[in-house]
Amino acid sequence: MINTQNHPDRDKIEVAAGKTAWICRCWQSGKFPYCDGSHRKVNADTGDHVGPIGVTAGKTEA
């Protein structure tokens, strides 16, 4: 399954220092590019095992 929701390409996301953002890899999230748990239904429907990827921003030094 790929981009059936016609989400636009996103080259950037913003993640605050020290925080983690969960990024969608199933292309079905209603909050794309962020995960909303839609992969659970995708996995049940397709037998796949896709899930989000966590991206943690490092703290910047002053």
C-alpha atoms as a PDB file:
ATOM      1  CA  MET A   1       0.000   0.000   0.000  1.00  0.00           C
ATOM      2  CA  ILE A   2       1.357   3.412  -0.890  1.00  0.00           C
ATOM      3  CA  ASN A   3       0.132   7.011  -0.977  1.00  0.00           C
ATOM      4  CA  THR A   4      -3.553   6.281  -1.679  1.00  0.00           C
ATOM      5  CA  GLN A   5      -4.571   9.394   0.299  1.00  0.00           C
ATOM      6  CA  ASN A   6      -2.601  11.647  -2.089  1.00  0.00           C
ATOM      7  CA  HIS A   7      -0.635  13.274   0.723  1.00  0.00           C
ATOM      8  CA  PRO A   8       1.791  15.895  -0.579  1.00  0.00           C
ATOM      9  CA  ASP A   9       5.504  15.181  -0.355  1.00  0.00           C
ATOM     10  CA  ARG A  10       7.046  16.657   2.777  1.00  0.00           C
ATOM     11  CA  ASP A  11      10.793  17.214   2.974  1.00  0.00           C
ATOM     12  CA  LYS A  12      10.768  18.788   6.443  1.00  0.00           C
ATOM     13  CA  ILE A  13       9.106  18.304   9.782  1.00  0.00           C
ATOM     14  CA  GLU A  14       9.698  20.299  12.922  1.00  0.00           C
ATOM     15  CA  VAL A  15      10.657  18.534  16.124  1.00  0.00           C
ATOM     16  CA  ALA A  16      11.375  20.551  19.253  1.00  0.00           C
ATOM     17  CA  ALA A  17      14.711  19.888  20.949  1.00  0.00           C
ATOM     18  CA  GLY A  18      14.508  16.872  23.231  1.00  0.00           C
ATOM     19  CA  LYS A  19      11.100  15.808  21.832  1.00  0.00           C
ATOM     20  CA  THR A  20      10.149  12.809  19.679  1.00  0.00           C
ATOM     21  CA  ALA A  21       7.890  12.941  16.619  1.00  0.00           C
ATOM     22  CA  TRP A  22       6.296   9.741  15.309  1.00  0.00           C
ATOM     23  CA  ILE A  23       6.362   9.780  11.514  1.00  0.00           C
ATOM     24  CA  CYS A  24       3.843   7.819   9.426  1.00  0.00           C
ATOM     25  CA  ARG A  25       5.202   5.111   7.126  1.00  0.00           C
ATOM     26  CA  CYS A  26       1.870   3.577   6.018  1.00  0.00           C
ATOM     27  CA  TRP A  27       0.687   6.712   4.129  1.00  0.00           C
ATOM     28  CA  GLN A  28      -2.816   6.437   5.625  1.00  0.00           C
ATOM     29  CA  SER A  29      -2.564   8.836   8.586  1.00  0.00           C
ATOM     30  CA  GLY A  30      -5.142  11.602   8.831  1.00  0.00           C
ATOM     31  CA  LYS A  31      -2.390  13.709  10.454  1.00  0.00           C
ATOM     32  CA  PHE A  32       0.253  12.940   7.797  1.00  0.00           C
ATOM     33  CA  PRO A  33       3.236  13.167   7.999  1.00  0.00           C
ATOM     34  CA  TYR A  34       2.665  12.351  11.675  1.00  0.00           C
ATOM     35  CA  CYS A  35       1.358   8.958  12.802  1.00  0.00           C
ATOM     36  CA  ASP A  36      -2.232   8.697  14.038  1.00  0.00           C
ATOM     37  CA  GLY A  37      -2.288   4.898  14.454  1.00  0.00           C
ATOM     38  CA  SER A  38      -3.826   4.165  11.032  1.00  0.00           C
ATOM     39  CA  HIS A  39      -1.127   1.529  10.449  1.00  0.00           C
ATOM     40  CA  ARG A  40      -2.997  -0.800  12.825  1.00  0.00           C
ATOM     41  CA  LYS A  41      -5.885  -1.107  10.340  1.00  0.00           C
ATOM     42  CA  VAL A  42      -3.468  -1.315   7.395  1.00  0.00           C
ATOM     43  CA  ASN A  43      -1.628  -4.161   9.131  1.00  0.00           C
ATOM     44  CA  ALA A  44      -4.881  -5.995   9.941  1.00  0.00           C
ATOM     45  CA  ASP A  45      -6.157  -5.591   6.364  1.00  0.00           C
ATOM     46  CA  THR A  46      -2.921  -6.516   4.577  1.00  0.00           C
ATOM     47  CA  GLY A  47      -1.013  -8.740   7.005  1.00  0.00           C
ATOM     48  CA  ASP A  48       1.825  -6.232   6.918  1.00  0.00           C
ATOM     49  CA  HIS A  49       3.845  -5.092   9.940  1.00  0.00           C
ATOM     50  CA  VAL A  50       4.461  -1.424   9.121  1.00  0.00           C
ATOM     51  CA  GLY A  51       4.632   1.133  11.911  1.00  0.00           C
ATOM     52  CA  PRO A  52       5.843   4.670  12.496  1.00  0.00           C
ATOM     53  CA  ILE A  53       9.416   5.769  12.934  1.00  0.00           C
ATOM     54  CA  GLY A  54      10.345   7.874  15.957  1.00  0.00           C
ATOM     55  CA  VAL A  55      12.553  10.888  15.311  1.00  0.00           C
ATOM     56  CA  THR A  56      14.076  12.560  18.373  1.00  0.00           C
ATOM     57  CA  ALA A  57      15.655  15.980  18.072  1.00  0.00           C
ATOM     58  CA  GLY A  58      18.836  16.511  19.997  1.00  0.00           C
ATOM     59  CA  LYS A  59      19.227  19.449  22.325  1.00  0.00           C
ATOM     60  CA  THR A  60      21.209  22.282  20.833  1.00  0.00           C
ATOM     61  CA  GLU A  61      24.034  23.891  22.733  1.00  0.00           C
ATOM     62  CA  ALA A  62      23.917  27.625  23.336  1.00  0.00           C
END
